[in-house]
Structure formats: structure tokens, C-alpha cells
mmCIF file of all heavy atoms, coordinates in Angstrom:
data_MODEL
# 
_entry.id   MODEL 
# 
loop_
_atom_site.group_PDB 
_atom_site.id 
_atom_site.type_symbol 
_atom_site.label_atom_id 
_atom_site.label_alt_id 
_atom_site.label_comp_id 
_atom_site.label_asym_id 
_atom_site.label_entity_id 
_atom_site.label_seq_id 
_atom_site.pdbx_PDB_ins_code 
_atom_site.Cartn_x 
_atom_site.Cartn_y 
_atom_site.Cartn_z 
_atom_site.occupancy 
_atom_site.B_iso_or_equiv 
_atom_site.pdbx_formal_charge 
_atom_site.auth_seq_id 
_atom_site.auth_comp_id 
_atom_site.auth_asym_id 
_atom_site.auth_atom_id 
_atom_site.pdbx_PDB_model_num 
ATOM 1   N N   . THR A 1 1  ? 5.915   -13.796 10.449 1.00 0.00 ? 1  THR A N   1 
ATOM 2   C CA  . THR A 1 1  ? 5.894   -14.112 9.027  1.00 0.00 ? 1  THR A CA  1 
ATOM 3   C C   . THR A 1 1  ? 4.493   -14.204 8.471  1.00 0.00 ? 1  THR A C   1 
ATOM 4   O O   . THR A 1 1  ? 3.518   -14.480 9.187  1.00 0.00 ? 1  THR A O   1 
ATOM 5   C CB  . THR A 1 1  ? 6.611   -15.441 8.752  1.00 0.00 ? 1  THR A CB  1 
ATOM 6   O OG1 . THR A 1 1  ? 5.916   -16.468 9.450  1.00 0.00 ? 1  THR A OG1 1 
ATOM 7   C CG2 . THR A 1 1  ? 8.050   -15.411 9.216  1.00 0.00 ? 1  THR A CG2 1 
ATOM 8   N N   . LEU A 1 2  ? 4.388   -14.017 7.165  1.00 0.00 ? 2  LEU A N   1 
ATOM 9   C CA  . LEU A 1 2  ? 3.098   -14.039 6.493  1.00 0.00 ? 2  LEU A CA  1 
ATOM 10  C C   . LEU A 1 2  ? 2.411   -15.391 6.593  1.00 0.00 ? 2  LEU A C   1 
ATOM 11  O O   . LEU A 1 2  ? 1.190   -15.484 6.451  1.00 0.00 ? 2  LEU A O   1 
ATOM 12  C CB  . LEU A 1 2  ? 3.291   -13.667 5.018  1.00 0.00 ? 2  LEU A CB  1 
ATOM 13  C CG  . LEU A 1 2  ? 3.686   -12.221 4.748  1.00 0.00 ? 2  LEU A CG  1 
ATOM 14  C CD1 . LEU A 1 2  ? 4.035   -12.051 3.281  1.00 0.00 ? 2  LEU A CD1 1 
ATOM 15  C CD2 . LEU A 1 2  ? 2.566   -11.284 5.149  1.00 0.00 ? 2  LEU A CD2 1 
ATOM 16  N N   . ALA A 1 3  ? 3.181   -16.432 6.867  1.00 0.00 ? 3  ALA A N   1 
ATOM 17  C CA  . ALA A 1 3  ? 2.575   -17.748 6.992  1.00 0.00 ? 3  ALA A CA  1 
ATOM 18  C C   . ALA A 1 3  ? 1.544   -17.809 8.104  1.00 0.00 ? 3  ALA A C   1 
ATOM 19  O O   . ALA A 1 3  ? 0.641   -18.654 8.083  1.00 0.00 ? 3  ALA A O   1 
ATOM 20  C CB  . ALA A 1 3  ? 3.663   -18.794 7.248  1.00 0.00 ? 3  ALA A CB  1 
ATOM 21  N N   . LEU A 1 4  ? 1.639   -16.907 9.071  1.00 0.00 ? 4  LEU A N   1 
ATOM 22  C CA  . LEU A 1 4  ? 0.692   -16.930 10.185 1.00 0.00 ? 4  LEU A CA  1 
ATOM 23  C C   . LEU A 1 4  ? -0.719  -16.546 9.766  1.00 0.00 ? 4  LEU A C   1 
ATOM 24  O O   . LEU A 1 4  ? -1.676  -16.848 10.460 1.00 0.00 ? 4  LEU A O   1 
ATOM 25  C CB  . LEU A 1 4  ? 1.170   -15.976 11.283 1.00 0.00 ? 4  LEU A CB  1 
ATOM 26  C CG  . LEU A 1 4  ? 2.402   -16.439 12.039 1.00 0.00 ? 4  LEU A CG  1 
ATOM 27  C CD1 . LEU A 1 4  ? 2.854   -15.357 12.988 1.00 0.00 ? 4  LEU A CD1 1 
ATOM 28  C CD2 . LEU A 1 4  ? 2.113   -17.703 12.790 1.00 0.00 ? 4  LEU A CD2 1 
ATOM 29  N N   . LEU A 1 5  ? -0.867  -15.888 8.624  1.00 0.00 ? 5  LEU A N   1 
ATOM 30  C CA  . LEU A 1 5  ? -2.195  -15.466 8.204  1.00 0.00 ? 5  LEU A CA  1 
ATOM 31  C C   . LEU A 1 5  ? -3.144  -16.649 8.089  1.00 0.00 ? 5  LEU A C   1 
ATOM 32  O O   . LEU A 1 5  ? -4.337  -16.541 8.378  1.00 0.00 ? 5  LEU A O   1 
ATOM 33  C CB  . LEU A 1 5  ? -2.100  -14.736 6.854  1.00 0.00 ? 5  LEU A CB  1 
ATOM 34  C CG  . LEU A 1 5  ? -1.509  -13.333 6.901  1.00 0.00 ? 5  LEU A CG  1 
ATOM 35  C CD1 . LEU A 1 5  ? -1.261  -12.827 5.501  1.00 0.00 ? 5  LEU A CD1 1 
ATOM 36  C CD2 . LEU A 1 5  ? -2.432  -12.399 7.652  1.00 0.00 ? 5  LEU A CD2 1 
ATOM 37  N N   . ALA A 1 6  ? -2.606  -17.782 7.679  1.00 0.00 ? 6  ALA A N   1 
ATOM 38  C CA  . ALA A 1 6  ? -3.452  -18.960 7.514  1.00 0.00 ? 6  ALA A CA  1 
ATOM 39  C C   . ALA A 1 6  ? -3.839  -19.599 8.834  1.00 0.00 ? 6  ALA A C   1 
ATOM 40  O O   . ALA A 1 6  ? -4.730  -20.446 8.882  1.00 0.00 ? 6  ALA A O   1 
ATOM 41  C CB  . ALA A 1 6  ? -2.731  -19.995 6.645  1.00 0.00 ? 6  ALA A CB  1 
ATOM 42  N N   . LEU A 1 7  ? -3.189  -19.196 9.915  1.00 0.00 ? 7  LEU A N   1 
ATOM 43  C CA  . LEU A 1 7  ? -3.373  -19.866 11.187 1.00 0.00 ? 7  LEU A CA  1 
ATOM 44  C C   . LEU A 1 7  ? -4.437  -19.245 12.072 1.00 0.00 ? 7  LEU A C   1 
ATOM 45  O O   . LEU A 1 7  ? -4.784  -19.807 13.099 1.00 0.00 ? 7  LEU A O   1 
ATOM 46  C CB  . LEU A 1 7  ? -2.041  -19.891 11.951 1.00 0.00 ? 7  LEU A CB  1 
ATOM 47  C CG  . LEU A 1 7  ? -0.875  -20.581 11.261 1.00 0.00 ? 7  LEU A CG  1 
ATOM 48  C CD1 . LEU A 1 7  ? 0.369   -20.466 12.134 1.00 0.00 ? 7  LEU A CD1 1 
ATOM 49  C CD2 . LEU A 1 7  ? -1.179  -22.034 10.976 1.00 0.00 ? 7  LEU A CD2 1 
ATOM 50  N N   . VAL A 1 8  ? -4.921  -18.073 11.725 1.00 0.00 ? 8  VAL A N   1 
ATOM 51  C CA  . VAL A 1 8  ? -5.743  -17.333 12.687 1.00 0.00 ? 8  VAL A CA  1 
ATOM 52  C C   . VAL A 1 8  ? -7.199  -17.203 12.266 1.00 0.00 ? 8  VAL A C   1 
ATOM 53  O O   . VAL A 1 8  ? -7.939  -16.442 12.854 1.00 0.00 ? 8  VAL A O   1 
ATOM 54  C CB  . VAL A 1 8  ? -5.144  -15.920 12.907 1.00 0.00 ? 8  VAL A CB  1 
ATOM 55  C CG1 . VAL A 1 8  ? -3.779  -16.028 13.521 1.00 0.00 ? 8  VAL A CG1 1 
ATOM 56  C CG2 . VAL A 1 8  ? -5.095  -15.126 11.614 1.00 0.00 ? 8  VAL A CG2 1 
ATOM 57  N N   . SER A 1 9  ? -7.627  -17.949 11.262 1.00 0.00 ? 9  SER A N   1 
ATOM 58  C CA  . SER A 1 9  ? -8.981  -17.751 10.755 1.00 0.00 ? 9  SER A CA  1 
ATOM 59  C C   . SER A 1 9  ? -10.046 -18.076 11.799 1.00 0.00 ? 9  SER A C   1 
ATOM 60  O O   . SER A 1 9  ? -11.142 -17.525 11.779 1.00 0.00 ? 9  SER A O   1 
ATOM 61  C CB  . SER A 1 9  ? -9.204  -18.625 9.509  1.00 0.00 ? 9  SER A CB  1 
ATOM 62  O OG  . SER A 1 9  ? -8.983  -19.987 9.823  1.00 0.00 ? 9  SER A OG  1 
ATOM 63  N N   . GLY A 1 10 ? -9.714  -18.947 12.753 1.00 0.00 ? 10 GLY A N   1 
ATOM 64  C CA  . GLY A 1 10 ? -10.691 -19.303 13.762 1.00 0.00 ? 10 GLY A CA  1 
ATOM 65  C C   . GLY A 1 10 ? -10.573 -18.512 15.041 1.00 0.00 ? 10 GLY A C   1 
ATOM 66  O O   . GLY A 1 10 ? -11.306 -18.763 15.987 1.00 0.00 ? 10 GLY A O   1 
ATOM 67  N N   . PHE A 1 11 ? -9.655  -17.541 15.070 1.00 0.00 ? 11 PHE A N   1 
ATOM 68  C CA  . PHE A 1 11 ? -9.403  -16.779 16.305 1.00 0.00 ? 11 PHE A CA  1 
ATOM 69  C C   . PHE A 1 11 ? -10.550 -15.824 16.604 1.00 0.00 ? 11 PHE A C   1 
ATOM 70  O O   . PHE A 1 11 ? -11.131 -15.229 15.705 1.00 0.00 ? 11 PHE A O   1 
ATOM 71  C CB  . PHE A 1 11 ? -8.099  -16.005 16.152 1.00 0.00 ? 11 PHE A CB  1 
ATOM 72  C CG  . PHE A 1 11 ? -7.801  -15.130 17.318 1.00 0.00 ? 11 PHE A CG  1 
ATOM 73  C CD1 . PHE A 1 11 ? -7.442  -15.695 18.520 1.00 0.00 ? 11 PHE A CD1 1 
ATOM 74  C CD2 . PHE A 1 11 ? -7.899  -13.755 17.214 1.00 0.00 ? 11 PHE A CD2 1 
ATOM 75  C CE1 . PHE A 1 11 ? -7.166  -14.893 19.614 1.00 0.00 ? 11 PHE A CE1 1 
ATOM 76  C CE2 . PHE A 1 11 ? -7.633  -12.956 18.298 1.00 0.00 ? 11 PHE A CE2 1 
ATOM 77  C CZ  . PHE A 1 11 ? -7.263  -13.525 19.492 1.00 0.00 ? 11 PHE A CZ  1 
ATOM 78  N N   . ALA A 1 12 ? -10.879 -15.665 17.885 1.00 0.00 ? 12 ALA A N   1 
ATOM 79  C CA  . ALA A 1 12 ? -11.993 -14.792 18.271 1.00 0.00 ? 12 ALA A CA  1 
ATOM 80  C C   . ALA A 1 12 ? -11.545 -13.760 19.284 1.00 0.00 ? 12 ALA A C   1 
ATOM 81  O O   . ALA A 1 12 ? -10.915 -14.086 20.269 1.00 0.00 ? 12 ALA A O   1 
ATOM 82  C CB  . ALA A 1 12 ? -13.127 -15.611 18.875 1.00 0.00 ? 12 ALA A CB  1 
ATOM 83  N N   . VAL A 1 13 ? -11.873 -12.505 19.009 1.00 0.00 ? 13 VAL A N   1 
ATOM 84  C CA  . VAL A 1 13 ? -11.703 -11.410 19.963 1.00 0.00 ? 13 VAL A CA  1 
ATOM 85  C C   . VAL A 1 13 ? -13.073 -10.766 20.124 1.00 0.00 ? 13 VAL A C   1 
ATOM 86  O O   . VAL A 1 13 ? -13.800 -10.602 19.151 1.00 0.00 ? 13 VAL A O   1 
ATOM 87  C CB  . VAL A 1 13 ? -10.692 -10.366 19.430 1.00 0.00 ? 13 VAL A CB  1 
ATOM 88  C CG1 . VAL A 1 13 ? -10.605 -9.192  20.381 1.00 0.00 ? 13 VAL A CG1 1 
ATOM 89  C CG2 . VAL A 1 13 ? -9.334  -10.990 19.217 1.00 0.00 ? 13 VAL A CG2 1 
ATOM 90  N N   . SER A 1 14 ? -13.424 -10.384 21.326 1.00 0.00 ? 14 SER A N   1 
ATOM 91  C CA  . SER A 1 14 ? -14.727 -9.753  21.525 1.00 0.00 ? 14 SER A CA  1 
ATOM 92  C C   . SER A 1 14 ? -14.835 -8.501  20.678 1.00 0.00 ? 14 SER A C   1 
ATOM 93  O O   . SER A 1 14 ? -13.990 -7.621  20.747 1.00 0.00 ? 14 SER A O   1 
ATOM 94  C CB  . SER A 1 14 ? -14.907 -9.395  23.012 1.00 0.00 ? 14 SER A CB  1 
ATOM 95  O OG  . SER A 1 14 ? -14.853 -10.556 23.805 1.00 0.00 ? 14 SER A OG  1 
ATOM 96  N N   . ALA A 1 15 ? -15.859 -8.402  19.880 1.00 0.00 ? 15 ALA A N   1 
ATOM 97  C CA  . ALA A 1 15 ? -16.012 -7.261  18.986 1.00 0.00 ? 15 ALA A CA  1 
ATOM 98  C C   . ALA A 1 15 ? -16.450 -6.037  19.756 1.00 0.00 ? 15 ALA A C   1 
ATOM 99  O O   . ALA A 1 15 ? -16.988 -6.117  20.853 1.00 0.00 ? 15 ALA A O   1 
ATOM 100 C CB  . ALA A 1 15 ? -17.048 -7.584  17.904 1.00 0.00 ? 15 ALA A CB  1 
ATOM 101 N N   . SER A 1 16 ? -16.218 -4.865  19.141 1.00 0.00 ? 16 SER A N   1 
ATOM 102 C CA  . SER A 1 16 ? -16.655 -3.627  19.758 1.00 0.00 ? 16 SER A CA  1 
ATOM 103 C C   . SER A 1 16 ? -18.126 -3.395  19.442 1.00 0.00 ? 16 SER A C   1 
ATOM 104 O O   . SER A 1 16 ? -18.812 -4.252  18.895 1.00 0.00 ? 16 SER A O   1 
ATOM 105 C CB  . SER A 1 16 ? -15.801 -2.477  19.227 1.00 0.00 ? 16 SER A CB  1 
ATOM 106 O OG  . SER A 1 16 ? -16.005 -2.329  17.846 1.00 0.00 ? 16 SER A OG  1 
ATOM 107 N N   . LYS A 1 17 ? -18.608 -2.207  19.759 1.00 0.00 ? 17 LYS A N   1 
ATOM 108 C CA  . LYS A 1 17 ? -20.005 -1.876  19.527 1.00 0.00 ? 17 LYS A CA  1 
ATOM 109 C C   . LYS A 1 17 ? -20.339 -1.996  18.042 1.00 0.00 ? 17 LYS A C   1 
ATOM 110 O O   . LYS A 1 17 ? -19.484 -1.811  17.186 1.00 0.00 ? 17 LYS A O   1 
ATOM 111 C CB  . LYS A 1 17 ? -20.278 -0.457  20.015 1.00 0.00 ? 17 LYS A CB  1 
ATOM 112 C CG  . LYS A 1 17 ? -20.073 -0.293  21.514 1.00 0.00 ? 17 LYS A CG  1 
ATOM 113 C CD  . LYS A 1 17 ? -20.256 1.153   21.923 1.00 0.00 ? 17 LYS A CD  1 
ATOM 114 C CE  . LYS A 1 17 ? -20.014 1.327   23.411 1.00 0.00 ? 17 LYS A CE  1 
ATOM 115 N NZ  . LYS A 1 17 ? -20.129 2.727   23.830 1.00 0.00 ? 17 LYS A NZ  1 
ATOM 116 N N   . PRO A 1 18 ? -21.598 -2.286  17.695 1.00 0.00 ? 18 PRO A N   1 
ATOM 117 C CA  . PRO A 1 18 ? -21.969 -2.414  16.290 1.00 0.00 ? 18 PRO A CA  1 
ATOM 118 C C   . PRO A 1 18 ? -21.691 -1.141  15.509 1.00 0.00 ? 18 PRO A C   1 
ATOM 119 O O   . PRO A 1 18 ? -21.712 -0.040  16.044 1.00 0.00 ? 18 PRO A O   1 
ATOM 120 C CB  . PRO A 1 18 ? -23.484 -2.691  16.364 1.00 0.00 ? 18 PRO A CB  1 
ATOM 121 C CG  . PRO A 1 18 ? -23.708 -3.238  17.746 1.00 0.00 ? 18 PRO A CG  1 
ATOM 122 C CD  . PRO A 1 18 ? -22.706 -2.560  18.608 1.00 0.00 ? 18 PRO A CD  1 
ATOM 123 N N   . ALA A 1 19 ? -21.433 -1.309  14.212 1.00 0.00 ? 19 ALA A N   1 
ATOM 124 C CA  . ALA A 1 19 ? -21.141 -0.172  13.354 1.00 0.00 ? 19 ALA A CA  1 
ATOM 125 C C   . ALA A 1 19 ? -22.344 0.761   13.286 1.00 0.00 ? 19 ALA A C   1 
ATOM 126 O O   . ALA A 1 19 ? -23.493 0.329   13.291 1.00 0.00 ? 19 ALA A O   1 
ATOM 127 C CB  . ALA A 1 19 ? -20.775 -0.653  11.959 1.00 0.00 ? 19 ALA A CB  1 
ATOM 128 N N   . GLN A 1 20 ? -22.056 2.047   13.229 1.00 0.00 ? 20 GLN A N   1 
ATOM 129 C CA  . GLN A 1 20 ? -23.125 3.037   13.106 1.00 0.00 ? 20 GLN A CA  1 
ATOM 130 C C   . GLN A 1 20 ? -23.573 3.211   11.653 1.00 0.00 ? 20 GLN A C   1 
ATOM 131 O O   . GLN A 1 20 ? -24.656 3.702   11.399 1.00 0.00 ? 20 GLN A O   1 
ATOM 132 C CB  . GLN A 1 20 ? -22.629 4.380   13.653 1.00 0.00 ? 20 GLN A CB  1 
ATOM 133 C CG  . GLN A 1 20 ? -22.211 4.324   15.129 1.00 0.00 ? 20 GLN A CG  1 
ATOM 134 C CD  . GLN A 1 20 ? -23.325 3.917   16.027 1.00 0.00 ? 20 GLN A CD  1 
ATOM 135 O OE1 . GLN A 1 20 ? -24.388 4.532   15.997 1.00 0.00 ? 20 GLN A OE1 1 
ATOM 136 N NE2 . GLN A 1 20 ? -23.122 2.872   16.818 1.00 0.00 ? 20 GLN A NE2 1 
ATOM 137 N N   . ALA A 1 21 ? -22.714 2.829   10.725 1.00 0.00 ? 21 ALA A N   1 
ATOM 138 C CA  . ALA A 1 21 ? -23.034 2.986   9.310  1.00 0.00 ? 21 ALA A CA  1 
ATOM 139 C C   . ALA A 1 21 ? -22.251 1.957   8.514  1.00 0.00 ? 21 ALA A C   1 
ATOM 140 O O   . ALA A 1 21 ? -21.243 1.433   8.980  1.00 0.00 ? 21 ALA A O   1 
ATOM 141 C CB  . ALA A 1 21 ? -22.690 4.399   8.828  1.00 0.00 ? 21 ALA A CB  1 
ATOM 142 N N   . VAL A 1 22 ? -22.714 1.633   7.335  1.00 0.00 ? 22 VAL A N   1 
ATOM 143 C CA  . VAL A 1 22 ? -22.016 0.700   6.460  1.00 0.00 ? 22 VAL A CA  1 
ATOM 144 C C   . VAL A 1 22 ? -20.985 1.469   5.652  1.00 0.00 ? 22 VAL A C   1 
ATOM 145 O O   . VAL A 1 22 ? -21.305 2.464   5.003  1.00 0.00 ? 22 VAL A O   1 
ATOM 146 C CB  . VAL A 1 22 ? -23.008 -0.018  5.517  1.00 0.00 ? 22 VAL A CB  1 
ATOM 147 C CG1 . VAL A 1 22 ? -22.266 -0.911  4.551  1.00 0.00 ? 22 VAL A CG1 1 
ATOM 148 C CG2 . VAL A 1 22 ? -24.003 -0.822  6.330  1.00 0.00 ? 22 VAL A CG2 1 
ATOM 149 N N   . SER A 1 23 ? -19.749 1.024   5.684  1.00 0.00 ? 23 SER A N   1 
ATOM 150 C CA  . SER A 1 23 ? -18.687 1.735   4.986  1.00 0.00 ? 23 SER A CA  1 
ATOM 151 C C   . SER A 1 23 ? -18.746 1.483   3.487  1.00 0.00 ? 23 SER A C   1 
ATOM 152 O O   . SER A 1 23 ? -18.989 0.365   3.041  1.00 0.00 ? 23 SER A O   1 
ATOM 153 C CB  . SER A 1 23 ? -17.326 1.276   5.519  1.00 0.00 ? 23 SER A CB  1 
ATOM 154 O OG  . SER A 1 23 ? -16.291 1.727   4.679  1.00 0.00 ? 23 SER A OG  1 
ATOM 155 N N   . SER A 1 24 ? -18.495 2.544   2.717  1.00 0.00 ? 24 SER A N   1 
ATOM 156 C CA  . SER A 1 24 ? -18.379 2.372   1.266  1.00 0.00 ? 24 SER A CA  1 
ATOM 157 C C   . SER A 1 24 ? -17.104 1.647   0.888  1.00 0.00 ? 24 SER A C   1 
ATOM 158 O O   . SER A 1 24 ? -16.914 1.264   -0.251 1.00 0.00 ? 24 SER A O   1 
ATOM 159 C CB  . SER A 1 24 ? -18.420 3.744   0.586  1.00 0.00 ? 24 SER A CB  1 
ATOM 160 O OG  . SER A 1 24 ? -17.317 4.540   1.023  1.00 0.00 ? 24 SER A OG  1 
ATOM 161 N N   . CYS A 1 25 ? -16.184 1.469   1.884  1.00 0.00 ? 25 CYS A N   1 
ATOM 162 C CA  . CYS A 1 25 ? -14.924 0.764   1.644  1.00 0.00 ? 25 CYS A CA  1 
ATOM 163 C C   . CYS A 1 25 ? -14.982 -0.684  2.092  1.00 0.00 ? 25 CYS A C   1 
ATOM 164 O O   . CYS A 1 25 ? -13.971 -1.395  1.996  1.00 0.00 ? 25 CYS A O   1 
ATOM 165 C CB  . CYS A 1 25 ? -13.789 1.463   2.386  1.00 0.00 ? 25 CYS A CB  1 
ATOM 166 S SG  . CYS A 1 25 ? -13.586 3.198   1.963  1.00 0.00 ? 25 CYS A SG  1 
ATOM 167 N N   . ALA A 1 26 ? -16.116 -1.128  2.644  1.00 0.00 ? 26 ALA A N   1 
ATOM 168 C CA  . ALA A 1 26 ? -16.195 -2.472  3.195  1.00 0.00 ? 26 ALA A CA  1 
ATOM 169 C C   . ALA A 1 26 ? -15.826 -3.515  2.159  1.00 0.00 ? 26 ALA A C   1 
ATOM 170 O O   . ALA A 1 26 ? -16.205 -3.426  0.984  1.00 0.00 ? 26 ALA A O   1 
ATOM 171 C CB  . ALA A 1 26 ? -17.596 -2.736  3.737  1.00 0.00 ? 26 ALA A CB  1 
ATOM 172 N N   . GLY A 1 27 ? -15.085 -4.501  2.604  1.00 0.00 ? 27 GLY A N   1 
ATOM 173 C CA  . GLY A 1 27 ? -14.603 -5.548  1.709  1.00 0.00 ? 27 GLY A CA  1 
ATOM 174 C C   . GLY A 1 27 ? -13.193 -5.328  1.230  1.00 0.00 ? 27 GLY A C   1 
ATOM 175 O O   . GLY A 1 27 ? -12.595 -6.215  0.617  1.00 0.00 ? 27 GLY A O   1 
ATOM 176 N N   . HIS A 1 28 ? -12.625 -4.160  1.527  1.00 0.00 ? 28 HIS A N   1 
ATOM 177 C CA  . HIS A 1 28 ? -11.240 -3.872  1.142  1.00 0.00 ? 28 HIS A CA  1 
ATOM 178 C C   . HIS A 1 28 ? -10.319 -4.296  2.285  1.00 0.00 ? 28 HIS A C   1 
ATOM 179 O O   . HIS A 1 28 ? -9.864  -3.488  3.075  1.00 0.00 ? 28 HIS A O   1 
ATOM 180 C CB  . HIS A 1 28 ? -11.062 -2.396  0.813  1.00 0.00 ? 28 HIS A CB  1 
ATOM 181 C CG  . HIS A 1 28 ? -11.720 -1.988  -0.466 1.00 0.00 ? 28 HIS A CG  1 
ATOM 182 N ND1 . HIS A 1 28 ? -11.109 -2.177  -1.682 1.00 0.00 ? 28 HIS A ND1 1 
ATOM 183 C CD2 . HIS A 1 28 ? -12.922 -1.433  -0.718 1.00 0.00 ? 28 HIS A CD2 1 
ATOM 184 C CE1 . HIS A 1 28 ? -11.914 -1.732  -2.648 1.00 0.00 ? 28 HIS A CE1 1 
ATOM 185 N NE2 . HIS A 1 28 ? -13.024 -1.278  -2.085 1.00 0.00 ? 28 HIS A NE2 1 
ATOM 186 N N   . ALA A 1 29 ? -10.078 -5.568  2.380  1.00 0.00 ? 29 ALA A N   1 
ATOM 187 C CA  . ALA A 1 29 ? -9.199  -6.113  3.403  1.00 0.00 ? 29 ALA A CA  1 
ATOM 188 C C   . ALA A 1 29 ? -8.287  -7.152  2.771  1.00 0.00 ? 29 ALA A C   1 
ATOM 189 O O   . ALA A 1 29 ? -8.575  -7.674  1.697  1.00 0.00 ? 29 ALA A O   1 
ATOM 190 C CB  . ALA A 1 29 ? -10.016 -6.734  4.539  1.00 0.00 ? 29 ALA A CB  1 
# 
């Protein structure tokens, strides 16, 4: 359920390699 969205703000997953470029779409989440 959508209610879980509020529960995961502190969750951590190891990130992948750094971005090669800044996306023109960044912030669309």
C-alpha cells in the first residue's frame, strides 16, 4: 500500500557508481 512510502525515508541501500552526468530530468520523482 501507498502508506509504506512514509516508512522508508531512512532506509539505506548501497548506491551504485557515481553518475557520469547530471540529468536534465533530475528532481522528477
